[in-house]
Protein backbone atom coordinates (compact mmCIF):
# COMPACT_ATOMS: atom_id res chain seq x y z
CA MET A 1 40.90 140.03 123.97
CA ALA A 2 40.30 136.68 122.32
CA GLN A 3 41.79 138.02 119.09
CA THR A 4 45.06 138.90 120.85
CA GLU A 5 45.34 135.44 122.42
CA GLN A 6 44.81 133.82 119.05
CA ALA A 7 47.49 136.03 117.44
CA TRP A 8 50.09 134.65 119.88
CA ASP A 9 49.09 131.03 119.50
CA TRP A 10 52.31 129.43 118.23
CA GLY A 11 50.93 125.91 118.41
CA VAL A 12 49.81 125.90 114.79
CA ASP A 13 48.92 122.48 113.47
CA LEU A 14 50.57 121.57 110.20
CA ARG A 15 48.97 119.70 107.38
CA ASP A 16 50.46 116.28 106.62
CA GLU A 17 52.33 117.51 103.53
CA GLU A 18 53.74 120.49 105.46
CA ARG A 19 54.84 118.22 108.32
CA ALA A 20 56.49 115.83 105.84
CA GLU A 21 58.32 118.74 104.22
CA LEU A 22 59.46 120.02 107.62
CA GLU A 23 60.76 116.59 108.59
CA LEU A 24 62.61 116.32 105.27
CA LEU A 25 64.19 119.73 105.82
CA ARG A 26 65.21 118.81 109.36
CA ALA A 27 66.77 115.57 108.10
CA THR A 28 68.68 117.50 105.42
CA VAL A 29 70.34 119.91 107.87
CA PRO A 30 73.04 117.48 109.17
CA GLN A 31 73.95 116.47 105.61
CA LEU A 32 74.26 120.10 104.55
CA ARG A 33 76.38 120.90 107.61
CA THR A 34 78.70 118.02 106.72
CA GLU A 35 78.97 119.29 103.14
CA LEU A 36 79.65 122.81 104.42
CA ASP A 37 82.42 121.51 106.70
CA GLN A 38 83.98 119.66 103.77
CA ALA A 39 83.77 122.75 101.56
CA GLN A 40 85.39 124.88 104.26
CA GLU A 41 88.20 122.34 104.66
CA ALA A 42 88.72 122.31 100.89
CA LEU A 43 88.81 126.11 100.91
CA ARG A 44 91.48 126.10 103.62
CA GLY A 45 93.50 123.61 101.56
CA CYS A 46 93.16 125.76 98.45
CA GLY A 47 94.25 128.84 100.37
CA GLN A 48 97.29 127.01 101.67
CA ARG A 49 98.11 125.72 98.19
CA HIS A 50 97.70 129.24 96.79
CA GLU A 51 100.11 130.62 99.37
CA GLU A 52 102.67 127.90 98.55
CA ALA A 53 102.35 128.60 94.81
CA SER A 54 102.72 132.36 95.33
CA GLN A 55 105.78 131.80 97.47
CA ALA A 56 107.25 129.48 94.82
CA LEU A 57 106.69 132.06 92.09
CA ARG A 58 108.35 134.76 94.20
CA GLN A 59 111.29 132.45 94.83
CA LEU A 60 111.60 131.68 91.13
CA ALA A 61 111.36 135.36 90.21
CA GLU A 62 114.07 136.28 92.71
CA THR A 63 116.44 133.54 91.53
CA ARG A 64 119.08 134.42 88.99
CA PHE A 65 119.06 132.61 85.69
CA TRP A 66 121.87 130.17 86.56
CA GLY A 67 120.18 129.08 89.82
CA ARG A 68 116.77 128.40 88.37
CA ARG A 69 117.37 124.71 87.65
CA ARG A 70 117.91 124.05 91.34
CA VAL A 71 114.79 126.04 92.28
CA LEU A 72 112.71 124.32 89.58
CA ALA A 73 113.85 120.92 90.83
CA ALA A 74 112.87 121.84 94.37
CA LEU A 75 109.47 123.06 93.17
CA ARG A 76 108.90 119.83 91.25
CA GLN A 77 109.79 117.85 94.33
CA ARG A 78 107.17 119.84 96.31
CA GLN A 79 104.73 119.16 93.43
CA LEU A 80 104.28 122.83 92.71
CA LEU A 81 105.12 122.35 89.05
């Protein structure tokens, strides 16, 4: 029975270097979450920019030759060109 009790003992003592590594990892988590949030925000921005560019290309493709100057000017104004 003593062997079973020992198997479920979760209060394992860590060596100093293991404890230091654990503390470093715990301190790194908030920084990594912040970086992940920033990356996700950048991804959303890229997706939005991609959609705008695709829409602009469709608009340009659908425009007849003589109306393209007006469309190109509008795209430059929106900084898509």
